[in-house]
Full PDB file with SEQRES, HELIX, SHEET, SSBOND, CRYST1, ORIGX, SCALE, CONECT and MASTER records, all heavy atoms in Angstrom:
SEQRES   1 A   35  THR PRO ILE PHE THR ASP GLU HIS TRP ASP VAL PRO LEU          
SEQRES   2 A   35  ASP PHE GLU SER VAL ALA ALA ALA GLY SER MET LEU GLY          
SEQRES   3 A   35  THR ARG ALA LEU GLN ILE PHE ASP GLU                          
HELIX    1 AA1 ASP A    6  HIS A    8  5                                   3    
HELIX    2 AA2 PHE A   15  ALA A   20  1                                   6    
CRYST1    1.000    1.000    1.000  90.00  90.00  90.00 P 1           1          
ORIGX1      1.000000  0.000000  0.000000        0.00000                         
ORIGX2      0.000000  1.000000  0.000000        0.00000                         
ORIGX3      0.000000  0.000000  1.000000        0.00000                         
SCALE1      1.000000  0.000000  0.000000        0.00000                         
SCALE2      0.000000  1.000000  0.000000        0.00000                         
SCALE3      0.000000  0.000000  1.000000        0.00000                         
ATOM      1  N   THR A   1      97.759 121.742  87.268  1.00  0.00           N  
ATOM      2  CA  THR A   1      98.257 120.881  88.342  1.00  0.00           C  
ATOM      3  C   THR A   1      98.882 121.727  89.443  1.00  0.00           C  
ATOM      4  O   THR A   1      99.402 122.814  89.175  1.00  0.00           O  
ATOM      5  CB  THR A   1      99.306 119.885  87.816  1.00  0.00           C  
ATOM      6  OG1 THR A   1     100.412 120.615  87.236  1.00  0.00           O  
ATOM      7  CG2 THR A   1      98.710 118.976  86.751  1.00  0.00           C  
ATOM      8  N   PRO A   2      98.840 121.262  90.695  1.00  0.00           N  
ATOM      9  CA  PRO A   2      99.490 122.008  91.778  1.00  0.00           C  
ATOM     10  C   PRO A   2     100.972 122.221  91.482  1.00  0.00           C  
ATOM     11  O   PRO A   2     101.647 121.320  90.992  1.00  0.00           O  
ATOM     12  CB  PRO A   2      99.289 121.086  92.994  1.00  0.00           C  
ATOM     13  CG  PRO A   2      98.050 120.303  92.672  1.00  0.00           C  
ATOM     14  CD  PRO A   2      98.111 120.076  91.186  1.00  0.00           C  
ATOM     15  N   ILE A   3     101.465 123.412  91.785  1.00  0.00           N  
ATOM     16  CA  ILE A   3     102.847 123.734  91.467  1.00  0.00           C  
ATOM     17  C   ILE A   3     103.804 123.056  92.444  1.00  0.00           C  
ATOM     18  O   ILE A   3     103.437 122.705  93.572  1.00  0.00           O  
ATOM     19  CB  ILE A   3     103.095 125.255  91.454  1.00  0.00           C  
ATOM     20  CG1 ILE A   3     102.895 125.855  92.856  1.00  0.00           C  
ATOM     21  CG2 ILE A   3     102.215 125.942  90.427  1.00  0.00           C  
ATOM     22  CD1 ILE A   3     103.303 127.313  92.950  1.00  0.00           C  
ATOM     23  N   PHE A   4     105.037 122.858  91.996  1.00  0.00           N  
ATOM     24  CA  PHE A   4     106.128 122.372  92.825  1.00  0.00           C  
ATOM     25  C   PHE A   4     107.157 123.499  92.987  1.00  0.00           C  
ATOM     26  O   PHE A   4     107.112 124.496  92.256  1.00  0.00           O  
ATOM     27  CB  PHE A   4     106.802 121.157  92.173  1.00  0.00           C  
ATOM     28  CG  PHE A   4     106.113 119.847  92.455  1.00  0.00           C  
ATOM     29  CD1 PHE A   4     106.400 118.719  91.674  1.00  0.00           C  
ATOM     30  CD2 PHE A   4     105.207 119.705  93.492  1.00  0.00           C  
ATOM     31  CE1 PHE A   4     105.792 117.499  91.937  1.00  0.00           C  
ATOM     32  CE2 PHE A   4     104.592 118.488  93.754  1.00  0.00           C  
ATOM     33  CZ  PHE A   4     104.883 117.387  92.974  1.00  0.00           C  
ATOM     34  N   THR A   5     108.074 123.308  93.929  1.00  0.00           N  
ATOM     35  CA  THR A   5     109.129 124.297  94.172  1.00  0.00           C  
ATOM     36  C   THR A   5     110.491 123.632  94.020  1.00  0.00           C  
ATOM     37  O   THR A   5     110.589 122.481  93.560  1.00  0.00           O  
ATOM     38  CB  THR A   5     108.996 124.873  95.586  1.00  0.00           C  
ATOM     39  OG1 THR A   5     109.308 123.856  96.552  1.00  0.00           O  
ATOM     40  CG2 THR A   5     107.580 125.389  95.836  1.00  0.00           C  
ATOM     41  N   ASP A   6     111.545 124.333  94.469  1.00  0.00           N  
ATOM     42  CA  ASP A   6     112.885 123.749  94.383  1.00  0.00           C  
ATOM     43  C   ASP A   6     113.091 122.609  95.378  1.00  0.00           C  
ATOM     44  O   ASP A   6     114.129 121.961  95.377  1.00  0.00           O  
ATOM     45  CB  ASP A   6     113.959 124.816  94.569  1.00  0.00           C  
ATOM     46  CG  ASP A   6     113.841 125.554  95.894  1.00  0.00           C  
ATOM     47  OD1 ASP A   6     112.890 125.282  96.648  1.00  0.00           O  
ATOM     48  OD2 ASP A   6     114.703 126.414  96.180  1.00  0.00           O  
ATOM     49  N   GLU A   7     112.074 122.346  96.215  1.00  0.00           N  
ATOM     50  CA  GLU A   7     112.131 121.189  97.113  1.00  0.00           C  
ATOM     51  C   GLU A   7     111.884 119.885  96.356  1.00  0.00           C  
ATOM     52  O   GLU A   7     112.124 118.800  96.887  1.00  0.00           O  
ATOM     53  CB  GLU A   7     111.074 121.309  98.221  1.00  0.00           C  
ATOM     54  CG  GLU A   7     111.196 122.543  99.100  1.00  0.00           C  
ATOM     55  CD  GLU A   7     110.012 122.672 100.044  1.00  0.00           C  
ATOM     56  OE1 GLU A   7     109.219 121.705 100.124  1.00  0.00           O  
ATOM     57  OE2 GLU A   7     109.869 123.712 100.698  1.00  0.00           O  
ATOM     58  N   HIS A   8     111.369 119.995  95.137  1.00  0.00           N  
ATOM     59  CA  HIS A   8     110.895 118.813  94.407  1.00  0.00           C  
ATOM     60  C   HIS A   8     111.770 118.463  93.206  1.00  0.00           C  
ATOM     61  O   HIS A   8     111.310 117.816  92.266  1.00  0.00           O  
ATOM     62  CB  HIS A   8     109.452 119.045  93.952  1.00  0.00           C  
ATOM     63  CG  HIS A   8     108.499 119.347  95.066  1.00  0.00           C  
ATOM     64  ND1 HIS A   8     108.194 120.631  95.457  1.00  0.00           N  
ATOM     65  CD2 HIS A   8     107.799 118.515  95.889  1.00  0.00           C  
ATOM     66  CE1 HIS A   8     107.323 120.597  96.453  1.00  0.00           C  
ATOM     67  NE2 HIS A   8     107.070 119.345  96.744  1.00  0.00           N  
ATOM     68  N   TRP A   9     113.032 118.870  93.228  1.00  0.00           N  
ATOM     69  CA  TRP A   9     113.950 118.587  92.130  1.00  0.00           C  
ATOM     70  C   TRP A   9     113.987 117.093  91.778  1.00  0.00           C  
ATOM     71  O   TRP A   9     114.099 116.721  90.609  1.00  0.00           O  
ATOM     72  CB  TRP A   9     115.361 119.022  92.507  1.00  0.00           C  
ATOM     73  CG  TRP A   9     115.753 120.415  92.145  1.00  0.00           C  
ATOM     74  CD1 TRP A   9     115.933 121.458  93.005  1.00  0.00           C  
ATOM     75  CD2 TRP A   9     116.052 120.937  90.842  1.00  0.00           C  
ATOM     76  NE1 TRP A   9     116.315 122.591  92.318  1.00  0.00           N  
ATOM     77  CE2 TRP A   9     116.411 122.301  90.985  1.00  0.00           C  
ATOM     78  CE3 TRP A   9     116.069 120.378  89.561  1.00  0.00           C  
ATOM     79  CZ2 TRP A   9     116.770 123.103  89.919  1.00  0.00           C  
ATOM     80  CZ3 TRP A   9     116.424 121.184  88.482  1.00  0.00           C  
ATOM     81  CH2 TRP A   9     116.766 122.520  88.665  1.00  0.00           C  
ATOM     82  N   ASP A  10     113.956 116.251  92.808  1.00  0.00           N  
ATOM     83  CA  ASP A  10     114.235 114.819  92.601  1.00  0.00           C  
ATOM     84  C   ASP A  10     113.012 113.928  92.735  1.00  0.00           C  
ATOM     85  O   ASP A  10     113.135 112.720  92.964  1.00  0.00           O  
ATOM     86  CB  ASP A  10     115.335 114.376  93.568  1.00  0.00           C  
ATOM     87  CG  ASP A  10     116.644 115.103  93.320  1.00  0.00           C  
ATOM     88  OD1 ASP A  10     117.116 115.084  92.164  1.00  0.00           O  
ATOM     89  OD2 ASP A  10     117.177 115.729  94.264  1.00  0.00           O  
ATOM     90  N   VAL A  11     111.820 114.497  92.606  1.00  0.00           N  
ATOM     91  CA  VAL A  11     110.607 113.673  92.586  1.00  0.00           C  
ATOM     92  C   VAL A  11     110.542 112.922  91.260  1.00  0.00           C  
ATOM     93  O   VAL A  11     110.589 113.551  90.193  1.00  0.00           O  
ATOM     94  CB  VAL A  11     109.344 114.543  92.758  1.00  0.00           C  
ATOM     95  CG1 VAL A  11     108.082 113.712  92.555  1.00  0.00           C  
ATOM     96  CG2 VAL A  11     109.331 115.211  94.121  1.00  0.00           C  
ATOM     97  N   PRO A  12     110.455 111.588  91.274  1.00  0.00           N  
ATOM     98  CA  PRO A  12     110.331 110.849  90.006  1.00  0.00           C  
ATOM     99  C   PRO A  12     109.061 111.274  89.268  1.00  0.00           C  
ATOM    100  O   PRO A  12     107.983 111.342  89.872  1.00  0.00           O  
ATOM    101  CB  PRO A  12     110.255 109.386  90.455  1.00  0.00           C  
ATOM    102  CG  PRO A  12     110.892 109.369  91.806  1.00  0.00           C  
ATOM    103  CD  PRO A  12     110.534 110.681  92.431  1.00  0.00           C  
ATOM    104  N   LEU A  13     109.197 111.576  88.006  1.00  0.00           N  
ATOM    105  CA  LEU A  13     108.050 112.037  87.228  1.00  0.00           C  
ATOM    106  C   LEU A  13     107.275 110.848  86.669  1.00  0.00           C  
ATOM    107  O   LEU A  13     107.324 110.520  85.485  1.00  0.00           O  
ATOM    108  CB  LEU A  13     108.530 112.980  86.121  1.00  0.00           C  
ATOM    109  CG  LEU A  13     109.131 114.291  86.631  1.00  0.00           C  
ATOM    110  CD1 LEU A  13     109.708 115.109  85.484  1.00  0.00           C  
ATOM    111  CD2 LEU A  13     108.110 115.107  87.405  1.00  0.00           C  
ATOM    112  N   ASP A  14     106.574 110.185  87.577  1.00  0.00           N  
ATOM    113  CA  ASP A  14     105.627 109.140  87.220  1.00  0.00           C  
ATOM    114  C   ASP A  14     104.334 109.427  87.962  1.00  0.00           C  
ATOM    115  O   ASP A  14     104.289 110.258  88.873  1.00  0.00           O  
ATOM    116  CB  ASP A  14     106.167 107.745  87.547  1.00  0.00           C  
ATOM    117  CG  ASP A  14     106.464 107.561  89.022  1.00  0.00           C  
ATOM    118  OD1 ASP A  14     105.508 107.536  89.816  1.00  0.00           O  
ATOM    119  OD2 ASP A  14     107.651 107.455  89.399  1.00  0.00           O  
ATOM    120  N   PHE A  15     103.247 108.759  87.570  1.00  0.00           N  
ATOM    121  CA  PHE A  15     101.931 109.091  88.105  1.00  0.00           C  
ATOM    122  C   PHE A  15     101.875 108.977  89.625  1.00  0.00           C  
ATOM    123  O   PHE A  15     101.346 109.856  90.306  1.00  0.00           O  
ATOM    124  CB  PHE A  15     100.869 108.177  87.472  1.00  0.00           C  
ATOM    125  CG  PHE A  15     100.668 108.426  86.008  1.00  0.00           C  
ATOM    126  CD1 PHE A  15     101.211 107.570  85.051  1.00  0.00           C  
ATOM    127  CD2 PHE A  15      99.933 109.516  85.557  1.00  0.00           C  
ATOM    128  CE1 PHE A  15     101.025 107.795  83.695  1.00  0.00           C  
ATOM    129  CE2 PHE A  15      99.743 109.751  84.203  1.00  0.00           C  
ATOM    130  CZ  PHE A  15     100.296 108.887  83.271  1.00  0.00           C  
ATOM    131  N   GLU A  16     102.433 107.906  90.176  1.00  0.00           N  
ATOM    132  CA  GLU A  16     102.319 107.663  91.615  1.00  0.00           C  
ATOM    133  C   GLU A  16     103.194 108.610  92.433  1.00  0.00           C  
ATOM    134  O   GLU A  16     102.759 109.165  93.447  1.00  0.00           O  
ATOM    135  CB  GLU A  16     102.688 106.209  91.938  1.00  0.00           C  
ATOM    136  CG  GLU A  16     101.677 105.182  91.456  1.00  0.00           C  
ATOM    137  CD  GLU A  16     101.672 105.005  89.945  1.00  0.00           C  
ATOM    138  OE1 GLU A  16     102.757 105.166  89.329  1.00  0.00           O  
ATOM    139  OE2 GLU A  16     100.593 104.731  89.375  1.00  0.00           O  
ATOM    140  N   SER A  17     104.433 108.802  92.013  1.00  0.00           N  
ATOM    141  CA  SER A  17     105.362 109.626  92.791  1.00  0.00           C  
ATOM    142  C   SER A  17     104.933 111.087  92.817  1.00  0.00           C  
ATOM    143  O   SER A  17     105.017 111.759  93.858  1.00  0.00           O  
ATOM    144  CB  SER A  17     106.777 109.504  92.230  1.00  0.00           C  
ATOM    145  OG  SER A  17     107.243 108.178  92.290  1.00  0.00           O  
ATOM    146  N   VAL A  18     104.481 111.593  91.681  1.00  0.00           N  
ATOM    147  CA  VAL A  18     104.039 112.983  91.626  1.00  0.00           C  
ATOM    148  C   VAL A  18     102.789 113.175  92.483  1.00  0.00           C  
ATOM    149  O   VAL A  18     102.650 114.171  93.202  1.00  0.00           O  
ATOM    150  CB  VAL A  18     103.789 113.425  90.171  1.00  0.00           C  
ATOM    151  CG1 VAL A  18     103.174 114.820  90.127  1.00  0.00           C  
ATOM    152  CG2 VAL A  18     105.093 113.403  89.381  1.00  0.00           C  
ATOM    153  N   ALA A  19     101.875 112.200  92.434  1.00  0.00           N  
ATOM    154  CA  ALA A  19     100.669 112.281  93.261  1.00  0.00           C  
ATOM    155  C   ALA A  19     101.020 112.242  94.747  1.00  0.00           C  
ATOM    156  O   ALA A  19     100.452 112.982  95.553  1.00  0.00           O  
ATOM    157  CB  ALA A  19      99.716 111.148  92.911  1.00  0.00           C  
ATOM    158  N   ALA A  20     101.973 111.386  95.116  1.00  0.00           N  
ATOM    159  CA  ALA A  20     102.387 111.288  96.514  1.00  0.00           C  
ATOM    160  C   ALA A  20     103.015 112.584  97.010  1.00  0.00           C  
ATOM    161  O   ALA A  20     102.926 112.915  98.199  1.00  0.00           O  
ATOM    162  CB  ALA A  20     103.369 110.133  96.686  1.00  0.00           C  
ATOM    163  N   ALA A  21     103.634 113.343  96.090  1.00  0.00           N  
ATOM    164  CA  ALA A  21     104.265 114.611  96.459  1.00  0.00           C  
ATOM    165  C   ALA A  21     103.275 115.773  96.456  1.00  0.00           C  
ATOM    166  O   ALA A  21     103.642 116.901  96.795  1.00  0.00           O  
ATOM    167  CB  ALA A  21     105.422 114.915  95.511  1.00  0.00           C  
ATOM    168  N   GLY A  22     102.020 115.504  96.056  1.00  0.00           N  
ATOM    169  CA  GLY A  22     100.989 116.531  96.151  1.00  0.00           C  
ATOM    170  C   GLY A  22     100.570 117.195  94.861  1.00  0.00           C  
ATOM    171  O   GLY A  22      99.896 118.219  94.885  1.00  0.00           O  
ATOM    172  N   SER A  23     100.928 116.598  93.706  1.00  0.00           N  
ATOM    173  CA  SER A  23     100.507 117.189  92.438  1.00  0.00           C  
ATOM    174  C   SER A  23     100.052 116.083  91.493  1.00  0.00           C  
ATOM    175  O   SER A  23      99.710 114.992  91.939  1.00  0.00           O  
ATOM    176  CB  SER A  23     101.653 118.001  91.818  1.00  0.00           C  
ATOM    177  OG  SER A  23     101.197 118.734  90.695  1.00  0.00           O  
ATOM    178  N   MET A  24     100.042 116.364  90.189  1.00  0.00           N  
ATOM    179  CA  MET A  24      99.645 115.389  89.177  1.00  0.00           C  
ATOM    180  C   MET A  24     100.617 115.453  88.006  1.00  0.00           C  
ATOM    181  O   MET A  24     101.064 116.547  87.635  1.00  0.00           O  
ATOM    182  CB  MET A  24      98.223 115.658  88.681  1.00  0.00           C  
ATOM    183  CG  MET A  24      97.142 115.515  89.737  1.00  0.00           C  
ATOM    184  SD  MET A  24      95.501 115.846  89.069  1.00  0.00           S  
ATOM    185  CE  MET A  24      95.616 117.605  88.754  1.00  0.00           C  
ATOM    186  N   LEU A  25     100.913 114.285  87.432  1.00  0.00           N  
ATOM    187  CA  LEU A  25     101.823 114.255  86.285  1.00  0.00           C  
ATOM    188  C   LEU A  25     101.189 114.895  85.061  1.00  0.00           C  
ATOM    189  O   LEU A  25     101.871 115.520  84.241  1.00  0.00           O  
ATOM    190  CB  LEU A  25     102.244 112.821  85.984  1.00  0.00           C  
ATOM    191  CG  LEU A  25     103.306 112.629  84.912  1.00  0.00           C  
ATOM    192  CD1 LEU A  25     104.602 113.323  85.300  1.00  0.00           C  
ATOM    193  CD2 LEU A  25     103.562 111.139  84.664  1.00  0.00           C  
ATOM    194  N   GLY A  26      99.875 114.737  84.935  1.00  0.00           N  
ATOM    195  CA  GLY A  26      99.142 115.396  83.858  1.00  0.00           C  
ATOM    196  C   GLY A  26      99.737 115.152  82.492  1.00  0.00           C  
ATOM    197  O   GLY A  26     100.013 114.015  82.098  1.00  0.00           O  
ATOM    198  N   THR A  27      99.978 116.219  81.754  1.00  0.00           N  
ATOM    199  CA  THR A  27     100.486 116.135  80.382  1.00  0.00           C  
ATOM    200  C   THR A  27     101.996 116.300  80.305  1.00  0.00           C  
ATOM    201  O   THR A  27     102.547 116.529  79.226  1.00  0.00           O  
ATOM    202  CB  THR A  27      99.829 117.209  79.506  1.00  0.00           C  
ATOM    203  OG1 THR A  27     100.008 118.485  80.130  1.00  0.00           O  
ATOM    204  CG2 THR A  27      98.340 116.942  79.343  1.00  0.00           C  
ATOM    205  N   ARG A  28     102.667 116.232  81.457  1.00  0.00           N  
ATOM    206  CA  ARG A  28     104.132 116.363  81.505  1.00  0.00           C  
ATOM    207  C   ARG A  28     104.604 117.683  80.898  1.00  0.00           C  
ATOM    208  O   ARG A  28     105.635 117.745  80.235  1.00  0.00           O  
ATOM    209  CB  ARG A  28     104.799 115.178  80.806  1.00  0.00           C  
ATOM    210  CG  ARG A  28     104.763 113.904  81.620  1.00  0.00           C  
ATOM    211  CD  ARG A  28     104.868 112.647  80.773  1.00  0.00           C  
ATOM    212  NE  ARG A  28     103.594 112.363  80.143  1.00  0.00           N  
ATOM    213  CZ  ARG A  28     103.408 112.318  78.843  1.00  0.00           C  
ATOM    214  NH1 ARG A  28     104.420 112.525  78.026  1.00  0.00           N  
ATOM    215  NH2 ARG A  28     102.220 112.049  78.348  1.00  0.00           N  
ATOM    216  N   ALA A  29     103.807 118.741  81.166  1.00  0.00           N  
ATOM    217  CA  ALA A  29     104.164 120.080  80.695  1.00  0.00           C  
ATOM    218  C   ALA A  29     104.894 120.794  81.824  1.00  0.00           C  
ATOM    219  O   ALA A  29     104.277 121.317  82.746  1.00  0.00           O  
ATOM    220  CB  ALA A  29     102.914 120.855  80.296  1.00  0.00           C  
ATOM    221  N   LEU A  30     106.225 120.791  81.753  1.00  0.00           N  
ATOM    222  CA  LEU A  30     107.050 121.354  82.813  1.00  0.00           C  
ATOM    223  C   LEU A  30     107.372 122.811  82.490  1.00  0.00           C  
ATOM    224  O   LEU A  30     108.223 123.098  81.651  1.00  0.00           O  
ATOM    225  CB  LEU A  30     108.342 120.542  82.973  1.00  0.00           C  
ATOM    226  CG  LEU A  30     108.237 119.215  83.741  1.00  0.00           C  
ATOM    227  CD1 LEU A  30     107.335 118.220  83.038  1.00  0.00           C  
ATOM    228  CD2 LEU A  30     109.616 118.596  83.913  1.00  0.00           C  
ATOM    229  N   GLN A  31     106.663 123.720  83.157  1.00  0.00           N  
ATOM    230  CA  GLN A  31     106.934 125.151  83.003  1.00  0.00           C  
ATOM    231  C   GLN A  31     107.874 125.561  84.136  1.00  0.00           C  
ATOM    232  O   GLN A  31     107.539 125.409  85.303  1.00  0.00           O  
ATOM    233  CB  GLN A  31     105.639 125.948  83.078  1.00  0.00           C  
ATOM    234  CG  GLN A  31     104.648 125.581  81.981  1.00  0.00           C  
ATOM    235  CD  GLN A  31     103.293 126.235  82.199  1.00  0.00           C  
ATOM    236  OE1 GLN A  31     103.031 127.328  81.710  1.00  0.00           O  
ATOM    237  NE2 GLN A  31     102.425 125.571  82.928  1.00  0.00           N  
ATOM    238  N   ILE A  32     109.032 126.073  83.773  1.00  0.00           N  
ATOM    239  CA  ILE A  32     110.085 126.355  84.740  1.00  0.00           C  
ATOM    240  C   ILE A  32     110.183 127.866  84.965  1.00  0.00           C  
ATOM    241  O   ILE A  32     110.347 128.633  84.010  1.00  0.00           O  
ATOM    242  CB  ILE A  32     111.444 125.825  84.231  1.00  0.00           C  
ATOM    243  CG1 ILE A  32     111.304 124.381  83.705  1.00  0.00           C  
ATOM    244  CG2 ILE A  32     112.488 125.918  85.326  1.00  0.00           C  
ATOM    245  CD1 ILE A  32     110.847 123.376  84.722  1.00  0.00           C  
ATOM    246  N   PHE A  33     110.108 128.291  86.224  1.00  0.00           N  
ATOM    247  CA  PHE A  33     110.177 129.709  86.563  1.00  0.00           C  
ATOM    248  C   PHE A  33     111.308 129.951  87.556  1.00  0.00           C  
ATOM    249  O   PHE A  33     111.433 129.228  88.542  1.00  0.00           O  
ATOM    250  CB  PHE A  33     108.855 130.180  87.174  1.00  0.00           C  
ATOM    251  CG  PHE A  33     107.668 130.032  86.249  1.00  0.00           C  
ATOM    252  CD1 PHE A  33     106.902 128.877  86.271  1.00  0.00           C  
ATOM    253  CD2 PHE A  33     107.329 131.039  85.366  1.00  0.00           C  
ATOM    254  CE1 PHE A  33     105.810 128.727  85.430  1.00  0.00           C  
ATOM    255  CE2 PHE A  33     106.237 130.910  84.517  1.00  0.00           C  
ATOM    256  CZ  PHE A  33     105.476 129.746  84.540  1.00  0.00           C  
ATOM    257  N   ASP A  34     112.102 130.989  87.303  1.00  0.00           N  
ATOM    258  CA  ASP A  34     113.176 131.312  88.238  1.00  0.00           C  
ATOM    259  C   ASP A  34     112.744 132.410  89.210  1.00  0.00           C  
ATOM    260  O   ASP A  34     111.569 132.816  89.234  1.00  0.00           O  
ATOM    261  CB  ASP A  34     114.474 131.666  87.495  1.00  0.00           C  
ATOM    262  CG  ASP A  34     114.367 132.948  86.676  1.00  0.00           C  
ATOM    263  OD1 ASP A  34     113.498 133.787  86.981  1.00  0.00           O  
ATOM    264  OD2 ASP A  34     115.155 133.103  85.731  1.00  0.00           O  
ATOM    265  N   GLU A  35     113.703 132.913  89.995  1.00  0.00           N  
ATOM    266  CA  GLU A  35     113.370 133.817  91.104  1.00  0.00           C  
ATOM    267  C   GLU A  35     112.925 135.196  90.647  1.00  0.00           C  
ATOM    268  O   GLU A  35     112.452 136.001  91.465  1.00  0.00           O  
ATOM    269  CB  GLU A  35     114.577 133.943  92.051  1.00  0.00           C  
ATOM    270  CG  GLU A  35     115.684 134.889  91.604  1.00  0.00           C  
ATOM    271  CD  GLU A  35     116.535 134.369  90.458  1.00  0.00           C  
ATOM    272  OE1 GLU A  35     116.369 133.182  90.085  1.00  0.00           O  
ATOM    273  OE2 GLU A  35     117.376 135.121  89.943  1.00  0.00           O  
TER     274      GLU A  35                                                      
MASTER        0    0    0    2    0    0    0    6  273    1    0    3          
END                                                                             
């Protein structure tokens, strides 16, 4: 799925909201990477 950044902290993790923000909810596999 397209990656998100720290701009997307508060995007609701549902199918529609994630798609509207430019990605996909997919399998809800949240891989978190720091600086």
